[in-house]
PDB file of all heavy atoms in Angstrom:
ATOM      1  N   HIS A   1      12.623   1.517   1.650  1.00  0.00           N
ATOM      2  CA  HIS A   1      12.246   0.226   1.187  1.00  0.00           C
ATOM      3  C   HIS A   1      10.743  -0.104   1.336  1.00  0.00           C
ATOM      4  O   HIS A   1      10.073  -0.621   0.573  1.00  0.00           O
ATOM      5  CB  HIS A   1      13.052  -0.748   1.726  1.00  0.00           C
ATOM      6  CG  HIS A   1      12.696  -2.215   1.289  1.00  0.00           C
ATOM      7  ND1 HIS A   1      13.010  -2.636   0.104  1.00  0.00           N
ATOM      8  CD2 HIS A   1      12.011  -3.216   2.055  1.00  0.00           C
ATOM      9  CE1 HIS A   1      12.435  -4.047   0.117  1.00  0.00           C
ATOM     10  NE2 HIS A   1      11.950  -4.271   1.152  1.00  0.00           N
ATOM     11  N   ALA A   2      10.304   0.279   2.598  1.00  0.00           N
ATOM     12  CA  ALA A   2       9.075  -0.043   3.001  1.00  0.00           C
ATOM     13  C   ALA A   2       7.906   0.765   2.353  1.00  0.00           C
ATOM     14  O   ALA A   2       6.863   0.285   1.953  1.00  0.00           O
ATOM     15  CB  ALA A   2       8.819   0.219   4.501  1.00  0.00           C
ATOM     16  N   LEU A   3       8.250   1.969   1.916  1.00  0.00           N
ATOM     17  CA  LEU A   3       7.219   2.913   1.512  1.00  0.00           C
ATOM     18  C   LEU A   3       7.474   3.356  -0.021  1.00  0.00           C
ATOM     19  O   LEU A   3       6.945   4.290  -0.410  1.00  0.00           O
ATOM     20  CB  LEU A   3       7.160   4.121   2.290  1.00  0.00           C
ATOM     21  CG  LEU A   3       6.592   3.896   3.791  1.00  0.00           C
ATOM     22  CD1 LEU A   3       6.673   5.247   4.518  1.00  0.00           C
ATOM     23  CD2 LEU A   3       5.289   3.245   3.756  1.00  0.00           C
ATOM     24  N   ARG A   4       8.343   2.676  -0.698  1.00  0.00           N
ATOM     25  CA  ARG A   4       8.529   2.994  -2.180  1.00  0.00           C
ATOM     26  C   ARG A   4       7.248   2.778  -2.944  1.00  0.00           C
ATOM     27  O   ARG A   4       6.543   1.836  -2.587  1.00  0.00           O
ATOM     28  CB  ARG A   4       9.613   2.409  -2.744  1.00  0.00           C
ATOM     29  CG  ARG A   4       9.462   0.863  -2.902  1.00  0.00           C
ATOM     30  CD  ARG A   4      10.801   0.275  -3.508  1.00  0.00           C
ATOM     31  NE  ARG A   4      10.530  -1.118  -3.717  1.00  0.00           N
ATOM     32  CZ  ARG A   4      10.810  -2.115  -2.813  1.00  0.00           C
ATOM     33  NH1 ARG A   4      11.151  -1.822  -1.556  1.00  0.00           N
ATOM     34  NH2 ARG A   4      10.643  -3.298  -3.012  1.00  0.00           N
ATOM     35  N   PRO A   5       6.852   3.758  -3.763  1.00  0.00           N
ATOM     36  CA  PRO A   5       5.558   3.620  -4.450  1.00  0.00           C
ATOM     37  C   PRO A   5       5.373   2.341  -5.179  1.00  0.00           C
ATOM     38  O   PRO A   5       6.309   1.711  -5.814  1.00  0.00           O
ATOM     39  CB  PRO A   5       5.522   4.689  -5.413  1.00  0.00           C
ATOM     40  CG  PRO A   5       6.469   5.779  -4.877  1.00  0.00           C
ATOM     41  CD  PRO A   5       7.620   4.866  -4.128  1.00  0.00           C
ATOM     42  N   ALA A   6       4.266   1.675  -5.082  1.00  0.00           N
ATOM     43  CA  ALA A   6       3.902   0.538  -5.844  1.00  0.00           C
ATOM     44  C   ALA A   6       3.779   1.063  -7.401  1.00  0.00           C
ATOM     45  O   ALA A   6       3.263   2.158  -7.632  1.00  0.00           O
ATOM     46  CB  ALA A   6       2.496  -0.067  -5.488  1.00  0.00           C
ATOM     47  N   PRO A   7       4.262   0.157  -8.362  1.00  0.00           N
ATOM     48  CA  PRO A   7       4.040   0.532  -9.759  1.00  0.00           C
ATOM     49  C   PRO A   7       2.652   0.733 -10.231  1.00  0.00           C
ATOM     50  O   PRO A   7       1.761  -0.094  -9.689  1.00  0.00           O
ATOM     51  CB  PRO A   7       4.729  -0.557 -10.504  1.00  0.00           C
ATOM     52  CG  PRO A   7       4.705  -1.730  -9.539  1.00  0.00           C
ATOM     53  CD  PRO A   7       4.713  -1.237  -8.141  1.00  0.00           C
ATOM     54  N   LEU A   8       2.331   1.603 -11.048  1.00  0.00           N
ATOM     55  CA  LEU A   8       0.958   1.873 -11.461  1.00  0.00           C
ATOM     56  C   LEU A   8       0.734   1.347 -12.854  1.00  0.00           C
ATOM     57  O   LEU A   8      -0.438   1.647 -13.384  1.00  0.00           O
ATOM     58  CB  LEU A   8       0.656   3.433 -11.348  1.00  0.00           C
ATOM     59  CG  LEU A   8       0.077   3.839 -10.018  1.00  0.00           C
ATOM     60  CD1 LEU A   8      -0.082   5.470 -10.156  1.00  0.00           C
ATOM     61  CD2 LEU A   8      -1.208   3.163  -9.761  1.00  0.00           C
ATOM     62  N   ASP A   9       1.742   0.840 -13.527  1.00  0.00           N
ATOM     63  CA  ASP A   9       1.414   0.175 -14.897  1.00  0.00           C
ATOM     64  C   ASP A   9       0.483  -0.835 -14.829  1.00  0.00           C
ATOM     65  O   ASP A   9       0.711  -1.951 -14.369  1.00  0.00           O
ATOM     66  CB  ASP A   9       2.787  -0.301 -15.466  1.00  0.00           C
ATOM     67  CG  ASP A   9       3.859   0.732 -15.688  1.00  0.00           C
ATOM     68  OD1 ASP A   9       3.526   1.875 -15.690  1.00  0.00           O
ATOM     69  OD2 ASP A   9       5.045   0.388 -15.677  1.00  0.00           O
ATOM     70  N   GLY A  10      -0.756  -0.544 -15.313  1.00  0.00           N
ATOM     71  CA  GLY A  10      -1.858  -1.538 -15.157  1.00  0.00           C
ATOM     72  C   GLY A  10      -2.445  -1.786 -13.901  1.00  0.00           C
ATOM     73  O   GLY A  10      -3.335  -2.652 -13.787  1.00  0.00           O
ATOM     74  N   THR A  11      -1.982  -1.080 -12.854  1.00  0.00           N
ATOM     75  CA  THR A  11      -2.523  -1.300 -11.582  1.00  0.00           C
ATOM     76  C   THR A  11      -3.514  -0.166 -11.107  1.00  0.00           C
ATOM     77  O   THR A  11      -3.143   1.053 -11.060  1.00  0.00           O
ATOM     78  CB  THR A  11      -1.326  -1.329 -10.508  1.00  0.00           C
ATOM     79  OG1 THR A  11      -0.484  -2.414 -10.761  1.00  0.00           O
ATOM     80  CG2 THR A  11      -1.928  -1.641  -9.067  1.00  0.00           C
ATOM     81  N   PRO A  12      -4.598  -0.429 -10.762  1.00  0.00           N
ATOM     82  CA  PRO A  12      -5.583   0.609 -10.289  1.00  0.00           C
ATOM     83  C   PRO A  12      -5.008   1.395  -9.053  1.00  0.00           C
ATOM     84  O   PRO A  12      -4.369   0.791  -8.163  1.00  0.00           O
ATOM     85  CB  PRO A  12      -6.933  -0.147  -9.959  1.00  0.00           C
ATOM     86  CG  PRO A  12      -6.781  -1.520 -10.639  1.00  0.00           C
ATOM     87  CD  PRO A  12      -5.397  -1.771 -10.684  1.00  0.00           C
ATOM     88  N   LEU A  13      -5.425   2.592  -8.871  1.00  0.00           N
ATOM     89  CA  LEU A  13      -5.057   3.379  -7.761  1.00  0.00           C
ATOM     90  C   LEU A  13      -5.405   2.715  -6.405  1.00  0.00           C
ATOM     91  O   LEU A  13      -4.569   2.723  -5.425  1.00  0.00           O
ATOM     92  CB  LEU A  13      -5.603   4.783  -7.809  1.00  0.00           C
ATOM     93  CG  LEU A  13      -5.381   5.683  -6.643  1.00  0.00           C
ATOM     94  CD1 LEU A  13      -3.775   5.992  -6.430  1.00  0.00           C
ATOM     95  CD2 LEU A  13      -5.984   7.028  -6.755  1.00  0.00           C
ATOM     96  N   THR A  14      -6.544   2.176  -6.461  1.00  0.00           N
ATOM     97  CA  THR A  14      -6.971   1.484  -5.249  1.00  0.00           C
ATOM     98  C   THR A  14      -6.081   0.273  -4.730  1.00  0.00           C
ATOM     99  O   THR A  14      -5.848   0.228  -3.536  1.00  0.00           O
ATOM    100  CB  THR A  14      -8.478   0.980  -5.447  1.00  0.00           C
ATOM    101  OG1 THR A  14      -8.595   0.142  -6.519  1.00  0.00           O
ATOM    102  CG2 THR A  14      -9.563   2.110  -5.473  1.00  0.00           C
ATOM    103  N   ASP A  15      -5.660  -0.457  -5.666  1.00  0.00           N
ATOM    104  CA  ASP A  15      -4.861  -1.601  -5.384  1.00  0.00           C
ATOM    105  C   ASP A  15      -3.420  -1.061  -4.930  1.00  0.00           C
ATOM    106  O   ASP A  15      -2.782  -1.755  -4.036  1.00  0.00           O
ATOM    107  CB  ASP A  15      -4.721  -2.516  -6.570  1.00  0.00           C
ATOM    108  CG  ASP A  15      -5.989  -3.321  -6.860  1.00  0.00           C
ATOM    109  OD1 ASP A  15      -6.930  -3.244  -6.029  1.00  0.00           O
ATOM    110  OD2 ASP A  15      -6.095  -3.785  -8.057  1.00  0.00           O
ATOM    111  N   ALA A  16      -3.078  -0.080  -5.652  1.00  0.00           N
ATOM    112  CA  ALA A  16      -1.640   0.441  -5.273  1.00  0.00           C
ATOM    113  C   ALA A  16      -1.557   1.023  -3.803  1.00  0.00           C
ATOM    114  O   ALA A  16      -0.672   0.891  -3.077  1.00  0.00           O
ATOM    115  CB  ALA A  16      -1.314   1.564  -6.371  1.00  0.00           C
ATOM    116  N   VAL A  17      -2.659   1.773  -3.477  1.00  0.00           N
ATOM    117  CA  VAL A  17      -2.725   2.337  -2.175  1.00  0.00           C
ATOM    118  C   VAL A  17      -2.840   1.133  -1.068  1.00  0.00           C
ATOM    119  O   VAL A  17      -2.212   1.192   0.019  1.00  0.00           O
ATOM    120  CB  VAL A  17      -3.963   3.038  -1.972  1.00  0.00           C
ATOM    121  CG1 VAL A  17      -4.301   3.465  -0.523  1.00  0.00           C
ATOM    122  CG2 VAL A  17      -3.701   4.538  -2.720  1.00  0.00           C
ATOM    123  N   ARG A  18      -3.655   0.158  -1.371  1.00  0.00           N
ATOM    124  CA  ARG A  18      -3.588  -1.038  -0.528  1.00  0.00           C
ATOM    125  C   ARG A  18      -2.259  -1.630  -0.296  1.00  0.00           C
ATOM    126  O   ARG A  18      -1.885  -1.985   0.711  1.00  0.00           O
ATOM    127  CB  ARG A  18      -4.649  -2.046  -1.027  1.00  0.00           C
ATOM    128  CG  ARG A  18      -6.032  -1.779  -1.028  1.00  0.00           C
ATOM    129  CD  ARG A  18      -6.892  -3.041  -1.382  1.00  0.00           C
ATOM    130  NE  ARG A  18      -8.328  -2.761  -1.373  1.00  0.00           N
ATOM    131  CZ  ARG A  18      -8.978  -2.515  -2.506  1.00  0.00           C
ATOM    132  NH1 ARG A  18      -8.473  -2.544  -3.676  1.00  0.00           N
ATOM    133  NH2 ARG A  18     -10.349  -2.314  -2.236  1.00  0.00           N
ATOM    134  N   GLU A  19      -1.566  -1.673  -1.437  1.00  0.00           N
ATOM    135  CA  GLU A  19      -0.015  -2.266  -1.267  1.00  0.00           C
ATOM    136  C   GLU A  19       0.778  -1.344  -0.489  1.00  0.00           C
ATOM    137  O   GLU A  19       1.548  -1.829   0.303  1.00  0.00           O
ATOM    138  CB  GLU A  19       0.449  -2.395  -2.719  1.00  0.00           C
ATOM    139  CG  GLU A  19       1.970  -2.890  -2.764  1.00  0.00           C
ATOM    140  CD  GLU A  19       1.993  -4.395  -2.270  1.00  0.00           C
ATOM    141  OE1 GLU A  19       1.046  -5.027  -2.103  1.00  0.00           O
ATOM    142  OE2 GLU A  19       3.191  -4.696  -2.105  1.00  0.00           O
ATOM    143  N   LEU A  20       0.512  -0.140  -0.533  1.00  0.00           N
ATOM    144  CA  LEU A  20       1.403   0.825   0.284  1.00  0.00           C
ATOM    145  C   LEU A  20       1.120   0.542   1.759  1.00  0.00           C
ATOM    146  O   LEU A  20       2.004   0.465   2.653  1.00  0.00           O
ATOM    147  CB  LEU A  20       1.125   2.248  -0.139  1.00  0.00           C
ATOM    148  CG  LEU A  20       1.861   2.874  -1.123  1.00  0.00           C
ATOM    149  CD1 LEU A  20       1.532   4.394  -1.318  1.00  0.00           C
ATOM    150  CD2 LEU A  20       3.370   2.750  -1.044  1.00  0.00           C
ATOM    151  N   THR A  21      -0.154   0.570   2.158  1.00  0.00           N
ATOM    152  CA  THR A  21      -0.530   0.195   3.528  1.00  0.00           C
ATOM    153  C   THR A  21      -0.063  -1.117   4.086  1.00  0.00           C
ATOM    154  O   THR A  21       0.265  -1.335   5.264  1.00  0.00           O
ATOM    155  CB  THR A  21      -2.029   0.461   3.815  1.00  0.00           C
ATOM    156  OG1 THR A  21      -2.840  -0.360   2.893  1.00  0.00           O
ATOM    157  CG2 THR A  21      -2.420   1.968   3.518  1.00  0.00           C
ATOM    158  N   ARG A  22      -0.173  -2.015   3.057  1.00  0.00           N
ATOM    159  CA  ARG A  22       0.279  -3.384   3.449  1.00  0.00           C
ATOM    160  C   ARG A  22       1.819  -3.461   3.786  1.00  0.00           C
ATOM    161  O   ARG A  22       2.301  -4.006   4.804  1.00  0.00           O
ATOM    162  CB  ARG A  22      -0.031  -4.490   2.401  1.00  0.00           C
ATOM    163  CG  ARG A  22       0.339  -5.815   2.687  1.00  0.00           C
ATOM    164  CD  ARG A  22       0.389  -6.854   1.428  1.00  0.00           C
ATOM    165  NE  ARG A  22       1.479  -6.462   0.635  1.00  0.00           N
ATOM    166  CZ  ARG A  22       2.757  -6.805   0.773  1.00  0.00           C
ATOM    167  NH1 ARG A  22       3.051  -7.520   1.934  1.00  0.00           N
ATOM    168  NH2 ARG A  22       3.700  -6.426  -0.055  1.00  0.00           N
ATOM    169  N   ARG A  23       2.560  -2.704   2.894  1.00  0.00           N
ATOM    170  CA  ARG A  23       4.031  -2.659   3.236  1.00  0.00           C
ATOM    171  C   ARG A  23       4.279  -1.906   4.522  1.00  0.00           C
ATOM    172  O   ARG A  23       5.177  -2.354   5.284  1.00  0.00           O
ATOM    173  CB  ARG A  23       4.672  -1.956   2.025  1.00  0.00           C
ATOM    174  CG  ARG A  23       4.728  -2.708   0.777  1.00  0.00           C
ATOM    175  CD  ARG A  23       5.411  -1.904  -0.324  1.00  0.00           C
ATOM    176  NE  ARG A  23       5.510  -2.550  -1.567  1.00  0.00           N
ATOM    177  CZ  ARG A  23       5.911  -1.992  -2.736  1.00  0.00           C
ATOM    178  NH1 ARG A  23       6.353  -0.732  -2.684  1.00  0.00           N
ATOM    179  NH2 ARG A  23       6.006  -2.633  -3.850  1.00  0.00           N
ATOM    180  N   LEU A  24       3.555  -0.788   4.650  1.00  0.00           N
ATOM    181  CA  LEU A  24       3.805  -0.087   6.055  1.00  0.00           C
ATOM    182  C   LEU A  24       3.644  -0.967   7.179  1.00  0.00           C
ATOM    183  O   LEU A  24       4.358  -0.901   8.102  1.00  0.00           O
ATOM    184  CB  LEU A  24       2.988   1.161   6.031  1.00  0.00           C
ATOM    185  CG  LEU A  24       3.129   1.960   7.212  1.00  0.00           C
ATOM    186  CD1 LEU A  24       4.509   2.639   7.324  1.00  0.00           C
ATOM    187  CD2 LEU A  24       2.031   3.142   7.298  1.00  0.00           C
ATOM    188  N   ALA A  25       2.473  -1.684   7.215  1.00  0.00           N
ATOM    189  CA  ALA A  25       2.156  -2.591   8.342  1.00  0.00           C
ATOM    190  C   ALA A  25       3.273  -3.708   8.465  1.00  0.00           C
ATOM    191  O   ALA A  25       3.578  -4.012   9.493  1.00  0.00           O
ATOM    192  CB  ALA A  25       0.858  -3.166   8.135  1.00  0.00           C
ATOM    193  N   GLU A  26       3.627  -4.193   7.345  1.00  0.00           N
ATOM    194  CA  GLU A  26       4.430  -5.417   7.430  1.00  0.00           C
ATOM    195  C   GLU A  26       6.025  -4.924   7.852  1.00  0.00           C
ATOM    196  O   GLU A  26       6.645  -5.639   8.633  1.00  0.00           O
ATOM    197  CB  GLU A  26       4.594  -6.067   5.967  1.00  0.00           C
ATOM    198  CG  GLU A  26       5.613  -7.194   5.832  1.00  0.00           C
ATOM    199  CD  GLU A  26       5.438  -7.775   4.478  1.00  0.00           C
ATOM    200  OE1 GLU A  26       4.453  -8.533   4.227  1.00  0.00           O
ATOM    201  OE2 GLU A  26       6.448  -7.542   3.658  1.00  0.00           O
ATOM    202  N   GLU A  27       6.329  -3.792   7.265  1.00  0.00           N
ATOM    203  CA  GLU A  27       7.862  -3.461   7.609  1.00  0.00           C
ATOM    204  C   GLU A  27       8.010  -2.625   8.880  1.00  0.00           C
ATOM    205  O   GLU A  27       9.113  -2.605   9.405  1.00  0.00           O
ATOM    206  CB  GLU A  27       8.275  -2.597   6.426  1.00  0.00           C
ATOM    207  CG  GLU A  27       8.262  -3.291   4.929  1.00  0.00           C
ATOM    208  CD  GLU A  27       9.264  -4.402   5.047  1.00  0.00           C
ATOM    209  OE1 GLU A  27      10.276  -4.170   5.650  1.00  0.00           O
ATOM    210  OE2 GLU A  27       9.033  -5.324   4.182  1.00  0.00           O
ATOM    211  N   THR A  28       6.942  -2.010   9.328  1.00  0.00           N
ATOM    212  CA  THR A  28       7.126  -1.200  10.599  1.00  0.00           C
ATOM    213  C   THR A  28       6.371  -1.542  11.760  1.00  0.00           C
ATOM    214  O   THR A  28       6.542  -1.002  13.004  1.00  0.00           O
ATOM    215  CB  THR A  28       6.726   0.330  10.159  1.00  0.00           C
ATOM    216  OG1 THR A  28       5.304   0.325  10.011  1.00  0.00           O
ATOM    217  CG2 THR A  28       7.453   0.812   9.029  1.00  0.00           C
ATOM    218  N   GLY A  29       5.467  -2.364  11.612  1.00  0.00           N
ATOM    219  CA  GLY A  29       4.576  -2.850  12.733  1.00  0.00           C
ATOM    220  C   GLY A  29       3.327  -1.914  13.122  1.00  0.00           C
ATOM    221  O   GLY A  29       2.536  -2.125  13.922  1.00  0.00           O
ATOM    222  N   ILE A  30       3.307  -0.799  12.327  1.00  0.00           N
ATOM    223  CA  ILE A  30       2.174   0.068  12.399  1.00  0.00           C
ATOM    224  C   ILE A  30       0.886  -0.541  11.843  1.00  0.00           C
ATOM    225  O   ILE A  30       0.914  -1.235  10.869  1.00  0.00           O
ATOM    226  CB  ILE A  30       2.322   1.380  11.628  1.00  0.00           C
ATOM    227  CG1 ILE A  30       3.567   2.211  12.337  1.00  0.00           C
ATOM    228  CG2 ILE A  30       1.182   2.336  11.589  1.00  0.00           C
ATOM    229  CD1 ILE A  30       3.880   3.609  11.618  1.00  0.00           C
ATOM    230  N   GLU A  31      -0.161  -0.239  12.596  1.00  0.00           N
ATOM    231  CA  GLU A  31      -1.544  -0.774  12.295  1.00  0.00           C
ATOM    232  C   GLU A  31      -1.984   0.072  11.024  1.00  0.00           C
ATOM    233  O   GLU A  31      -2.375   1.323  11.234  1.00  0.00           O
ATOM    234  CB  GLU A  31      -2.541  -0.760  13.362  1.00  0.00           C
ATOM    235  CG  GLU A  31      -3.851  -1.268  12.980  1.00  0.00           C
ATOM    236  CD  GLU A  31      -4.858  -1.056  14.073  1.00  0.00           C
ATOM    237  OE1 GLU A  31      -4.840   0.003  14.739  1.00  0.00           O
ATOM    238  OE2 GLU A  31      -5.777  -1.907  14.192  1.00  0.00           O
ATOM    239  N   ALA A  32      -1.930  -0.413   9.809  1.00  0.00           N
ATOM    240  CA  ALA A  32      -2.242   0.427   8.614  1.00  0.00           C
ATOM    241  C   ALA A  32      -3.277  -0.361   7.705  1.00  0.00           C
ATOM    242  O   ALA A  32      -3.046  -1.501   7.555  1.00  0.00           O
ATOM    243  CB  ALA A  32      -0.880   0.847   7.966  1.00  0.00           C
ATOM    244  N   PHE A  33      -4.096   0.253   7.135  1.00  0.00           N
ATOM    245  CA  PHE A  33      -5.131  -0.310   6.312  1.00  0.00           C
ATOM    246  C   PHE A  33      -5.690   0.717   5.317  1.00  0.00           C
ATOM    247  O   PHE A  33      -5.720   1.964   5.656  1.00  0.00           O
ATOM    248  CB  PHE A  33      -6.165  -1.065   7.134  1.00  0.00           C
ATOM    249  CG  PHE A  33      -6.887  -0.255   8.046  1.00  0.00           C
ATOM    250  CD1 PHE A  33      -8.243   0.347   7.935  1.00  0.00           C
ATOM    251  CD2 PHE A  33      -6.395  -0.102   9.374  1.00  0.00           C
ATOM    252  CE1 PHE A  33      -8.832   1.048   8.770  1.00  0.00           C
ATOM    253  CE2 PHE A  33      -7.012   0.779  10.380  1.00  0.00           C
ATOM    254  CZ  PHE A  33      -8.257   1.246  10.100  1.00  0.00           C
ATOM    255  N   ALA A  34      -6.363   0.329   4.291  1.00  0.00           N
ATOM    256  CA  ALA A  34      -7.078   1.089   3.265  1.00  0.00           C
ATOM    257  C   ALA A  34      -8.475   0.716   3.152  1.00  0.00           C
ATOM    258  O   ALA A  34      -8.815  -0.596   3.320  1.00  0.00           O
ATOM    259  CB  ALA A  34      -6.292   0.835   1.901  1.00  0.00           C
ATOM    260  N   THR A  35      -9.350   1.680   3.003  1.00  0.00           N
ATOM    261  CA  THR A  35     -10.792   1.463   2.745  1.00  0.00           C
ATOM    262  C   THR A  35     -11.232   2.147   1.488  1.00  0.00           C
ATOM    263  O   THR A  35     -10.776   3.275   1.269  1.00  0.00           O
ATOM    264  CB  THR A  35     -11.657   1.981   3.952  1.00  0.00           C
ATOM    265  OG1 THR A  35     -11.216   1.313   5.075  1.00  0.00           O
ATOM    266  CG2 THR A  35     -13.030   1.758   3.773  1.00  0.00           C
ATOM    267  N   VAL A  36     -12.019   1.467   0.651  1.00  0.00           N
ATOM    268  CA  VAL A  36     -12.510   2.050  -0.570  1.00  0.00           C
ATOM    269  C   VAL A  36     -14.061   2.195  -0.488  1.00  0.00           C
ATOM    270  O   VAL A  36     -14.638   1.084  -0.249  1.00  0.00           O
ATOM    271  CB  VAL A  36     -12.016   1.298  -1.791  1.00  0.00           C
ATOM    272  CG1 VAL A  36     -12.669   2.043  -3.140  1.00  0.00           C
ATOM    273  CG2 VAL A  36     -10.605   1.350  -1.867  1.00  0.00           C
ATOM    274  N   THR A  37     -14.608   3.305  -0.672  1.00  0.00           N
ATOM    275  CA  THR A  37     -16.135   3.282  -0.772  1.00  0.00           C
ATOM    276  C   THR A  37     -16.519   3.931  -2.143  1.00  0.00           C
ATOM    277  O   THR A  37     -15.840   4.758  -2.828  1.00  0.00           O
ATOM    278  CB  THR A  37     -16.716   4.206   0.263  1.00  0.00           C
ATOM    279  OG1 THR A  37     -16.308   5.550   0.226  1.00  0.00           O
ATOM    280  CG2 THR A  37     -16.183   3.729   1.736  1.00  0.00           C
TER     281      THR A  37
END
């Protein structure tokens, strides 16, 4: 449930990755974050 992929329909890859790390942090307590350069 915590790590199921975010839908990509109309969602940029960068935003979908941010959503995955947000879910991981929220559901497991792991310090997780995404950076885009």
